[in-house]
Amino acid sequence: MVRSILRHYGIYGGQHDQHFLVDERILDRIVESANIASGETVLEIGAGIGNLTERLLPLAAKVIAIELDPKLISVLEDRFKGEEKLQLIHGDVLEVTLPPFDKVVANLPYSISSEITFKLFKHDFKLGILMYQYEFAQRMVAKPGSGDYSRLTVNTAYFADASVIMKVPKGVFSPPPQVESAVVKICPRPAPFAVTDRDFFLKFVTAIFTKRRKKIRNAILESNHMLGIRDVKHVVSKLPEDMVALRPENLDPEQLAALSNMILALQQEA
């Protein structure tokens, strides 16, 4: 069915992260995983030819589909002509203002997965079912001390519970990408640990993971141009030695939050 739609409209993909999921069973599983209720608004990012859109529309009260490619917008307009439950947005998801939505279901453009994810975390929504590059998905759910543990892991842990619900092989896409993929379930919730200043915490995590091979003491000192800590050497000297002597990847999100809070408290004392 999906392949025939691609042929009908002369869509080939292979550029601009355009790899169309053609396996009907996986498409169905993605939508089933979203557990959409009849009154919910669903956001779809990178709607493509509408292979997820057509499955979302019968279930949701409204589907907001964002697509950048004008050729694919034409396909969507043709396929869903007169569909009142569908709101099409022609634009770059990183630049458009997202309308309110309850759930987000999408096969994301892999080259901007991080930027899209962090933008979504700024919005209030119930659930996300999102397709990522497999390696990216692994970083989202990594454990402290592992090679995949990163800024992405910590930020995800602050905003949401995340789990990989299925691995997706290359061959179910047209054309096949060069990487394996995975579908991740994201459940936003209040942060499970205290953060004095969210913006500083997120900036702190970004800064020290740019120096992830350094001990945290040196990572803070060398990335202070990003943090702006006054009298940074004095502040670092007051932090617990058993924490700053480790690398960023060796502290869990709650411990990193505690360090961030300590730095702010020391700044206030100065």
C-alpha atoms as a PDB file:
ATOM      1  CA  MET A   1       0.000   0.000   0.000  1.00  0.00           C
ATOM      2  CA  VAL A   2       2.674   2.525   1.072  1.00  0.00           C
ATOM      3  CA  ARG A   3       4.945   1.571  -1.837  1.00  0.00           C
ATOM      4  CA  SER A   4       2.078   2.027  -4.277  1.00  0.00           C
ATOM      5  CA  ILE A   5       1.431   5.537  -2.911  1.00  0.00           C
ATOM      6  CA  LEU A   6       5.108   6.390  -3.377  1.00  0.00           C
ATOM      7  CA  ARG A   7       4.968   5.141  -6.980  1.00  0.00           C
ATOM      8  CA  HIS A   8       1.686   6.945  -7.687  1.00  0.00           C
ATOM      9  CA  TYR A   9       3.104  10.319  -6.664  1.00  0.00           C
ATOM     10  CA  GLY A  10       6.600   9.694  -7.979  1.00  0.00           C
ATOM     11  CA  ILE A  11       8.201  10.020  -4.556  1.00  0.00           C
ATOM     12  CA  TYR A  12      11.601   8.382  -4.169  1.00  0.00           C
ATOM     13  CA  GLY A  13      13.211   9.871  -1.051  1.00  0.00           C
ATOM     14  CA  GLY A  14      16.842   9.368  -0.166  1.00  0.00           C
ATOM     15  CA  GLN A  15      17.483  13.071   0.383  1.00  0.00           C
ATOM     16  CA  HIS A  16      16.843  15.386   3.331  1.00  0.00           C
ATOM     17  CA  ASP A  17      16.306  12.462   5.746  1.00  0.00           C
ATOM     18  CA  GLN A  18      13.480  11.148   3.551  1.00  0.00           C
ATOM     19  CA  HIS A  19      13.245   7.435   4.253  1.00  0.00           C
ATOM     20  CA  PHE A  20       9.622   6.309   4.135  1.00  0.00           C
ATOM     21  CA  LEU A  21       8.465   3.551   6.482  1.00  0.00           C
ATOM     22  CA  VAL A  22       6.671   1.034   4.274  1.00  0.00           C
ATOM     23  CA  ASP A  23       6.051  -1.864   6.659  1.00  0.00           C
ATOM     24  CA  GLU A  24       2.327  -1.784   7.482  1.00  0.00           C
ATOM     25  CA  ARG A  25       2.717  -3.859  10.652  1.00  0.00           C
ATOM     26  CA  ILE A  26       5.276  -1.467  12.145  1.00  0.00           C
ATOM     27  CA  LEU A  27       3.142   1.536  11.196  1.00  0.00           C
ATOM     28  CA  ASP A  28       0.216  -0.089  12.987  1.00  0.00           C
ATOM     29  CA  ARG A  29       2.330  -0.890  16.054  1.00  0.00           C
ATOM     30  CA  ILE A  30       3.548   2.703  16.304  1.00  0.00           C
ATOM     31  CA  VAL A  31       0.001   4.062  16.295  1.00  0.00           C
ATOM     32  CA  GLU A  32      -1.254   1.369  18.692  1.00  0.00           C
ATOM     33  CA  SER A  33       1.563   2.283  21.107  1.00  0.00           C
ATOM     34  CA  ALA A  34       0.233   5.843  21.282  1.00  0.00           C
ATOM     35  CA  ASN A  35      -3.083   4.593  22.735  1.00  0.00           C
ATOM     36  CA  ILE A  36      -4.905   7.596  21.291  1.00  0.00           C
ATOM     37  CA  ALA A  37      -8.207   8.614  22.890  1.00  0.00           C
ATOM     38  CA  SER A  38     -11.014  10.103  20.812  1.00  0.00           C
ATOM     39  CA  GLY A  39     -10.707  13.598  22.277  1.00  0.00           C
ATOM     40  CA  GLU A  40      -6.949  13.985  21.865  1.00  0.00           C
ATOM     41  CA  THR A  41      -4.931  16.180  19.531  1.00  0.00           C
ATOM     42  CA  VAL A  42      -1.944  14.417  17.976  1.00  0.00           C
ATOM     43  CA  LEU A  43       1.128  16.140  16.568  1.00  0.00           C
ATOM     44  CA  GLU A  44       2.933  14.452  13.685  1.00  0.00           C
ATOM     45  CA  ILE A  45       6.361  15.748  12.674  1.00  0.00           C
ATOM     46  CA  GLY A  46       7.603  15.019   9.162  1.00  0.00           C
ATOM     47  CA  ALA A  47       4.302  13.660   7.872  1.00  0.00           C
ATOM     48  CA  GLY A  48       5.786  12.640   4.508  1.00  0.00           C
ATOM     49  CA  ILE A  49       3.170  10.975   2.309  1.00  0.00           C
ATOM     50  CA  GLY A  50       0.786  10.453   5.229  1.00  0.00           C
ATOM     51  CA  ASN A  51       1.358   6.790   6.068  1.00  0.00           C
ATOM     52  CA  LEU A  52       1.034   7.549   9.793  1.00  0.00           C
ATOM     53  CA  THR A  53      -1.433  10.385   9.234  1.00  0.00           C
ATOM     54  CA  GLU A  54      -4.050   8.089   7.721  1.00  0.00           C
ATOM     55  CA  ARG A  55      -3.861   5.841  10.778  1.00  0.00           C
ATOM     56  CA  LEU A  56      -4.012   8.706  13.265  1.00  0.00           C
ATOM     57  CA  LEU A  57      -7.006  10.524  11.788  1.00  0.00           C
ATOM     58  CA  PRO A  58      -9.703   7.931  12.620  1.00  0.00           C
ATOM     59  CA  LEU A  59      -8.533   7.809  16.257  1.00  0.00           C
ATOM     60  CA  ALA A  60      -7.829  11.430  17.199  1.00  0.00           C
ATOM     61  CA  ALA A  61     -10.011  14.511  17.521  1.00  0.00           C
ATOM     62  CA  LYS A  62      -7.385  16.409  15.532  1.00  0.00           C
ATOM     63  CA  VAL A  63      -4.069  15.696  13.816  1.00  0.00           C
ATOM     64  CA  ILE A  64      -1.521  18.484  13.355  1.00  0.00           C
ATOM     65  CA  ALA A  65       0.904  17.370  10.635  1.00  0.00           C
ATOM     66  CA  ILE A  66       4.102  19.326   9.996  1.00  0.00           C
ATOM     67  CA  GLU A  67       5.981  18.850   6.729  1.00  0.00           C
ATOM     68  CA  LEU A  68       8.789  20.899   5.180  1.00  0.00           C
ATOM     69  CA  ASP A  69       8.949  19.487   1.641  1.00  0.00           C
ATOM     70  CA  PRO A  70       6.494  21.324  -0.665  1.00  0.00           C
ATOM     71  CA  LYS A  71       6.150  18.250  -2.881  1.00  0.00           C
ATOM     72  CA  LEU A  72       5.052  16.166   0.098  1.00  0.00           C
ATOM     73  CA  ILE A  73       2.688  18.914   1.246  1.00  0.00           C
ATOM     74  CA  SER A  74       1.016  18.592  -2.169  1.00  0.00           C
ATOM     75  CA  VAL A  75       0.700  14.835  -1.675  1.00  0.00           C
ATOM     76  CA  LEU A  76      -0.857  15.319   1.768  1.00  0.00           C
ATOM     77  CA  GLU A  77      -3.286  17.946   0.462  1.00  0.00           C
ATOM     78  CA  ASP A  78      -4.339  15.609  -2.325  1.00  0.00           C
ATOM     79  CA  ARG A  79      -4.666  12.498  -0.182  1.00  0.00           C
ATOM     80  CA  PHE A  80      -6.578  14.174   2.654  1.00  0.00           C
ATOM     81  CA  LYS A  81      -8.583  16.732   0.719  1.00  0.00           C
ATOM     82  CA  GLY A  82     -11.595  17.859   2.764  1.00  0.00           C
ATOM     83  CA  GLU A  83     -10.396  16.145   5.952  1.00  0.00           C
ATOM     84  CA  GLU A  84     -11.540  18.572   8.651  1.00  0.00           C
ATOM     85  CA  LYS A  85      -9.656  16.839  11.463  1.00  0.00           C
ATOM     86  CA  LEU A  86      -6.295  17.493   9.785  1.00  0.00           C
ATOM     87  CA  GLN A  87      -4.289  20.694  10.211  1.00  0.00           C
ATOM     88  CA  LEU A  88      -1.341  20.824   7.816  1.00  0.00           C
ATOM     89  CA  ILE A  89       1.598  23.075   8.650  1.00  0.00           C
ATOM     90  CA  HIS A  90       4.075  23.686   5.854  1.00  0.00           C
ATOM     91  CA  GLY A  91       7.337  24.625   7.528  1.00  0.00           C
ATOM     92  CA  ASP A  92      10.459  23.725   9.477  1.00  0.00           C
ATOM     93  CA  VAL A  93       9.490  22.140  12.806  1.00  0.00           C
ATOM     94  CA  LEU A  94      12.381  23.950  14.490  1.00  0.00           C
ATOM     95  CA  GLU A  95      11.045  27.327  13.381  1.00  0.00           C
ATOM     96  CA  VAL A  96       7.255  26.991  13.586  1.00  0.00           C
ATOM     97  CA  THR A  97       5.287  27.646  16.751  1.00  0.00           C
ATOM     98  CA  LEU A  98       3.777  24.357  17.847  1.00  0.00           C
ATOM     99  CA  PRO A  99       0.029  24.494  18.589  1.00  0.00           C
ATOM    100  CA  PRO A 100      -1.157  22.746  21.773  1.00  0.00           C
ATOM    101  CA  PHE A 101      -1.162  18.943  21.466  1.00  0.00           C
ATOM    102  CA  ASP A 102      -1.749  15.931  23.699  1.00  0.00           C
ATOM    103  CA  LYS A 103       0.505  13.360  22.062  1.00  0.00           C
ATOM    104  CA  VAL A 104       3.216  13.348  19.424  1.00  0.00           C
ATOM    105  CA  VAL A 105       3.754  10.474  16.993  1.00  0.00           C
ATOM    106  CA  ALA A 106       6.490  10.802  14.402  1.00  0.00           C
ATOM    107  CA  ASN A 107       9.252   9.301  12.326  1.00  0.00           C
ATOM    108  CA  LEU A 108      11.701  12.112  13.040  1.00  0.00           C
ATOM    109  CA  PRO A 109      14.351  13.486  10.667  1.00  0.00           C
ATOM    110  CA  TYR A 110      17.464  11.920  12.172  1.00  0.00           C
ATOM    111  CA  SER A 111      19.788  14.855  11.435  1.00  0.00           C
ATOM    112  CA  ILE A 112      17.828  17.143  13.782  1.00  0.00           C
ATOM    113  CA  SER A 113      16.517  14.590  16.282  1.00  0.00           C
ATOM    114  CA  SER A 114      18.231  16.257  19.225  1.00  0.00           C
ATOM    115  CA  GLU A 115      16.934  19.734  18.414  1.00  0.00           C
ATOM    116  CA  ILE A 116      13.380  18.466  17.904  1.00  0.00           C
ATOM    117  CA  THR A 117      13.436  16.456  21.126  1.00  0.00           C
ATOM    118  CA  PHE A 118      14.615  19.403  23.214  1.00  0.00           C
ATOM    119  CA  LYS A 119      11.961  21.602  21.593  1.00  0.00           C
ATOM    120  CA  LEU A 120       9.263  19.054  22.458  1.00  0.00           C
ATOM    121  CA  PHE A 121      10.450  18.942  26.073  1.00  0.00           C
ATOM    122  CA  LYS A 122       9.525  22.625  26.372  1.00  0.00           C
ATOM    123  CA  HIS A 123       5.869  21.765  25.706  1.00  0.00           C
ATOM    124  CA  ASP A 124       3.221  20.187  27.872  1.00  0.00           C
ATOM    125  CA  PHE A 125       2.115  16.843  26.417  1.00  0.00           C
ATOM    126  CA  LYS A 126       1.105  13.397  27.654  1.00  0.00           C
ATOM    127  CA  LEU A 127       3.054  10.964  25.491  1.00  0.00           C
ATOM    128  CA  GLY A 128       5.479  10.708  22.605  1.00  0.00           C
ATOM    129  CA  ILE A 129       6.012   7.727  20.281  1.00  0.00           C
ATOM    130  CA  LEU A 130       9.040   8.722  18.237  1.00  0.00           C
ATOM    131  CA  MET A 131      11.287   7.007  15.721  1.00  0.00           C
ATOM    132  CA  TYR A 132      15.000   7.746  16.104  1.00  0.00           C
ATOM    133  CA  GLN A 133      18.290   6.442  14.826  1.00  0.00           C
ATOM    134  CA  TYR A 134      19.035   3.415  17.015  1.00  0.00           C
ATOM    135  CA  GLU A 135      22.260   4.860  18.416  1.00  0.00           C
ATOM    136  CA  PHE A 136      20.414   8.051  19.385  1.00  0.00           C
ATOM    137  CA  ALA A 137      17.721   6.016  21.136  1.00  0.00           C
ATOM    138  CA  GLN A 138      20.414   4.144  23.067  1.00  0.00           C
ATOM    139  CA  ARG A 139      21.840   7.441  24.309  1.00  0.00           C
ATOM    140  CA  MET A 140      18.402   8.533  25.514  1.00  0.00           C
ATOM    141  CA  VAL A 141      18.065   5.526  27.830  1.00  0.00           C
ATOM    142  CA  ALA A 142      21.729   4.897  28.708  1.00  0.00           C
ATOM    143  CA  LYS A 143      22.956   4.140  32.223  1.00  0.00           C
ATOM    144  CA  PRO A 144      25.621   6.187  34.043  1.00  0.00           C
ATOM    145  CA  GLY A 145      29.112   4.874  33.359  1.00  0.00           C
ATOM    146  CA  SER A 146      28.260   3.545  29.924  1.00  0.00           C
ATOM    147  CA  GLY A 147      29.734   4.863  26.686  1.00  0.00           C
ATOM    148  CA  ASP A 148      26.293   6.027  25.540  1.00  0.00           C
ATOM    149  CA  TYR A 149      25.598   8.094  28.682  1.00  0.00           C
ATOM    150  CA  SER A 150      25.514  11.733  27.619  1.00  0.00           C
ATOM    151  CA  ARG A 151      23.931  15.161  27.876  1.00  0.00           C
ATOM    152  CA  LEU A 152      20.955  13.693  26.004  1.00  0.00           C
ATOM    153  CA  THR A 153      20.535  11.004  28.674  1.00  0.00           C
ATOM    154  CA  VAL A 154      20.561  13.504  31.527  1.00  0.00           C
ATOM    155  CA  ASN A 155      18.187  15.950  29.837  1.00  0.00           C
ATOM    156  CA  THR A 156      15.780  13.153  28.966  1.00  0.00           C
ATOM    157  CA  ALA A 157      15.860  11.876  32.546  1.00  0.00           C
ATOM    158  CA  TYR A 158      15.016  15.368  33.796  1.00  0.00           C
ATOM    159  CA  PHE A 159      11.957  15.790  31.590  1.00  0.00           C
ATOM    160  CA  ALA A 160      10.567  12.302  31.011  1.00  0.00           C
ATOM    161  CA  ASP A 161      10.666   8.543  31.364  1.00  0.00           C
ATOM    162  CA  ALA A 162      11.935   7.019  28.122  1.00  0.00           C
ATOM    163  CA  SER A 163      12.078   3.437  26.906  1.00  0.00           C
ATOM    164  CA  VAL A 164      12.891   1.726  23.612  1.00  0.00           C
ATOM    165  CA  ILE A 165       9.788  -0.200  22.578  1.00  0.00           C
ATOM    166  CA  MET A 166      11.013  -1.656  19.303  1.00  0.00           C
ATOM    167  CA  LYS A 167      14.090  -1.847  17.121  1.00  0.00           C
ATOM    168  CA  VAL A 168      13.405  -1.207  13.443  1.00  0.00           C
ATOM    169  CA  PRO A 169      15.584  -2.717  10.674  1.00  0.00           C
ATOM    170  CA  LYS A 170      16.797  -0.775   7.652  1.00  0.00           C
ATOM    171  CA  GLY A 171      14.855  -2.879   5.152  1.00  0.00           C
ATOM    172  CA  VAL A 172      11.406  -1.616   6.192  1.00  0.00           C
ATOM    173  CA  PHE A 173      12.143   1.835   4.759  1.00  0.00           C
ATOM    174  CA  SER A 174      12.146   3.071   1.173  1.00  0.00           C
ATOM    175  CA  PRO A 175      14.896   3.820   0.414  1.00  0.00           C
ATOM    176  CA  PRO A 176      16.686   2.010   3.256  1.00  0.00           C
ATOM    177  CA  PRO A 177      18.749   4.319   5.512  1.00  0.00           C
ATOM    178  CA  GLN A 178      22.334   3.477   6.403  1.00  0.00           C
ATOM    179  CA  VAL A 179      21.472   2.987  10.078  1.00  0.00           C
ATOM    180  CA  GLU A 180      19.167   0.923  12.232  1.00  0.00           C
ATOM    181  CA  SER A 181      16.240   2.704  13.859  1.00  0.00           C
ATOM    182  CA  ALA A 182      14.234   2.407  17.062  1.00  0.00           C
ATOM    183  CA  VAL A 183      10.888   3.589  18.375  1.00  0.00           C
ATOM    184  CA  VAL A 184      11.063   5.311  21.753  1.00  0.00           C
ATOM    185  CA  LYS A 185       8.184   5.884  24.157  1.00  0.00           C
ATOM    186  CA  ILE A 186       8.502   9.190  26.012  1.00  0.00           C
ATOM    187  CA  CYS A 187       6.311   9.912  29.034  1.00  0.00           C
ATOM    188  CA  PRO A 188       6.791  13.486  30.317  1.00  0.00           C
ATOM    189  CA  ARG A 189       6.583  13.946  34.100  1.00  0.00           C
ATOM    190  CA  PRO A 190       7.820  16.304  36.818  1.00  0.00           C
ATOM    191  CA  ALA A 191      11.553  16.075  37.452  1.00  0.00           C
ATOM    192  CA  PRO A 192      12.339  13.295  39.957  1.00  0.00           C
ATOM    193  CA  PHE A 193      15.091  15.377  41.571  1.00  0.00           C
ATOM    194  CA  ALA A 194      15.317  18.964  42.796  1.00  0.00           C
ATOM    195  CA  VAL A 195      16.878  21.628  40.559  1.00  0.00           C
ATOM    196  CA  THR A 196      17.331  25.179  41.848  1.00  0.00           C
ATOM    197  CA  ASP A 197      17.514  26.746  38.385  1.00  0.00           C
ATOM    198  CA  ARG A 198      16.481  24.621  35.388  1.00  0.00           C
ATOM    199  CA  ASP A 199      18.190  26.788  32.790  1.00  0.00           C
ATOM    200  CA  PHE A 200      21.491  26.732  34.660  1.00  0.00           C
ATOM    201  CA  PHE A 201      21.241  22.983  35.216  1.00  0.00           C
ATOM    202  CA  LEU A 202      20.711  22.295  31.515  1.00  0.00           C
ATOM    203  CA  LYS A 203      23.545  24.669  30.617  1.00  0.00           C
ATOM    204  CA  PHE A 204      25.781  22.986  33.221  1.00  0.00           C
ATOM    205  CA  VAL A 205      25.073  19.535  31.787  1.00  0.00           C
ATOM    206  CA  THR A 206      25.798  20.760  28.262  1.00  0.00           C
ATOM    207  CA  ALA A 207      29.042  22.416  29.359  1.00  0.00           C
ATOM    208  CA  ILE A 208      30.583  19.524  31.264  1.00  0.00           C
ATOM    209  CA  PHE A 209      29.665  16.951  28.628  1.00  0.00           C
ATOM    210  CA  THR A 210      31.591  18.976  26.056  1.00  0.00           C
ATOM    211  CA  LYS A 211      34.563  17.899  28.206  1.00  0.00           C
ATOM    212  CA  ARG A 212      33.315  14.421  29.006  1.00  0.00           C
ATOM    213  CA  ARG A 213      36.816  12.893  29.035  1.00  0.00           C
ATOM    214  CA  LYS A 214      37.964  15.350  31.691  1.00  0.00           C
ATOM    215  CA  LYS A 215      37.333  15.129  35.411  1.00  0.00           C
ATOM    216  CA  ILE A 216      34.388  17.292  36.418  1.00  0.00           C
ATOM    217  CA  ARG A 217      36.692  19.745  38.197  1.00  0.00           C
ATOM    218  CA  ASN A 218      38.565  20.455  34.967  1.00  0.00           C
ATOM    219  CA  ALA A 219      35.418  20.235  32.858  1.00  0.00           C
ATOM    220  CA  ILE A 220      33.862  23.089  34.850  1.00  0.00           C
ATOM    221  CA  LEU A 221      37.010  25.197  34.718  1.00  0.00           C
ATOM    222  CA  GLU A 222      37.504  24.696  30.989  1.00  0.00           C
ATOM    223  CA  SER A 223      33.879  25.296  30.059  1.00  0.00           C
ATOM    224  CA  ASN A 224      33.209  28.250  32.331  1.00  0.00           C
ATOM    225  CA  HIS A 225      32.877  30.509  29.277  1.00  0.00           C
ATOM    226  CA  MET A 226      29.532  28.719  28.868  1.00  0.00           C
ATOM    227  CA  LEU A 227      28.571  28.949  32.550  1.00  0.00           C
ATOM    228  CA  GLY A 228      29.772  32.352  33.735  1.00  0.00           C
ATOM    229  CA  ILE A 229      30.596  31.233  37.288  1.00  0.00           C
ATOM    230  CA  ARG A 230      32.193  34.066  39.269  1.00  0.00           C
ATOM    231  CA  ASP A 231      35.497  33.155  40.949  1.00  0.00           C
ATOM    232  CA  VAL A 232      35.178  29.727  39.406  1.00  0.00           C
ATOM    233  CA  LYS A 233      38.369  28.298  40.927  1.00  0.00           C
ATOM    234  CA  HIS A 234      37.147  29.117  44.428  1.00  0.00           C
ATOM    235  CA  VAL A 235      33.710  27.660  43.740  1.00  0.00           C
ATOM    236  CA  VAL A 236      35.165  24.435  42.347  1.00  0.00           C
ATOM    237  CA  SER A 237      37.452  24.090  45.368  1.00  0.00           C
ATOM    238  CA  LYS A 238      34.374  24.019  47.605  1.00  0.00           C
ATOM    239  CA  LEU A 239      32.635  21.208  45.707  1.00  0.00           C
ATOM    240  CA  PRO A 240      32.809  17.618  47.060  1.00  0.00           C
ATOM    241  CA  GLU A 241      36.084  16.007  46.036  1.00  0.00           C
ATOM    242  CA  ASP A 242      34.484  12.591  45.576  1.00  0.00           C
ATOM    243  CA  MET A 243      32.258  14.105  42.864  1.00  0.00           C
ATOM    244  CA  VAL A 244      34.533  16.535  41.020  1.00  0.00           C
ATOM    245  CA  ALA A 245      37.271  13.892  40.783  1.00  0.00           C
ATOM    246  CA  LEU A 246      34.997  11.811  38.536  1.00  0.00           C
ATOM    247  CA  ARG A 247      34.106  12.249  34.890  1.00  0.00           C
ATOM    248  CA  PRO A 248      30.639  13.545  33.941  1.00  0.00           C
ATOM    249  CA  GLU A 249      29.589  10.114  32.702  1.00  0.00           C
ATOM    250  CA  ASN A 250      30.153   8.632  36.170  1.00  0.00           C
ATOM    251  CA  LEU A 251      27.491  10.718  37.939  1.00  0.00           C
ATOM    252  CA  ASP A 252      23.785  10.016  37.604  1.00  0.00           C
ATOM    253  CA  PRO A 253      21.342  12.835  36.733  1.00  0.00           C
ATOM    254  CA  GLU A 254      20.410  13.441  40.364  1.00  0.00           C
ATOM    255  CA  GLN A 255      24.073  13.829  41.362  1.00  0.00           C
ATOM    256  CA  LEU A 256      24.667  16.251  38.500  1.00  0.00           C
ATOM    257  CA  ALA A 257      21.640  18.242  39.632  1.00  0.00           C
ATOM    258  CA  ALA A 258      23.079  18.337  43.158  1.00  0.00           C
ATOM    259  CA  LEU A 259      26.361  19.737  41.819  1.00  0.00           C
ATOM    260  CA  SER A 260      24.493  22.361  39.826  1.00  0.00           C
ATOM    261  CA  ASN A 261      22.566  23.374  42.944  1.00  0.00           C
ATOM    262  CA  MET A 262      25.778  23.572  45.005  1.00  0.00           C
ATOM    263  CA  ILE A 263      27.403  25.873  42.462  1.00  0.00           C
ATOM    264  CA  LEU A 264      24.430  28.240  42.572  1.00  0.00           C
ATOM    265  CA  ALA A 265      24.416  28.199  46.390  1.00  0.00           C
ATOM    266  CA  LEU A 266      28.146  29.001  46.499  1.00  0.00           C
ATOM    267  CA  GLN A 267      27.578  31.854  44.059  1.00  0.00           C
ATOM    268  CA  GLN A 268      24.969  33.344  46.363  1.00  0.00           C
ATOM    269  CA  GLU A 269      27.344  33.140  49.307  1.00  0.00           C
ATOM    270  CA  ALA A 270      30.100  34.970  47.454  1.00  0.00           C
END
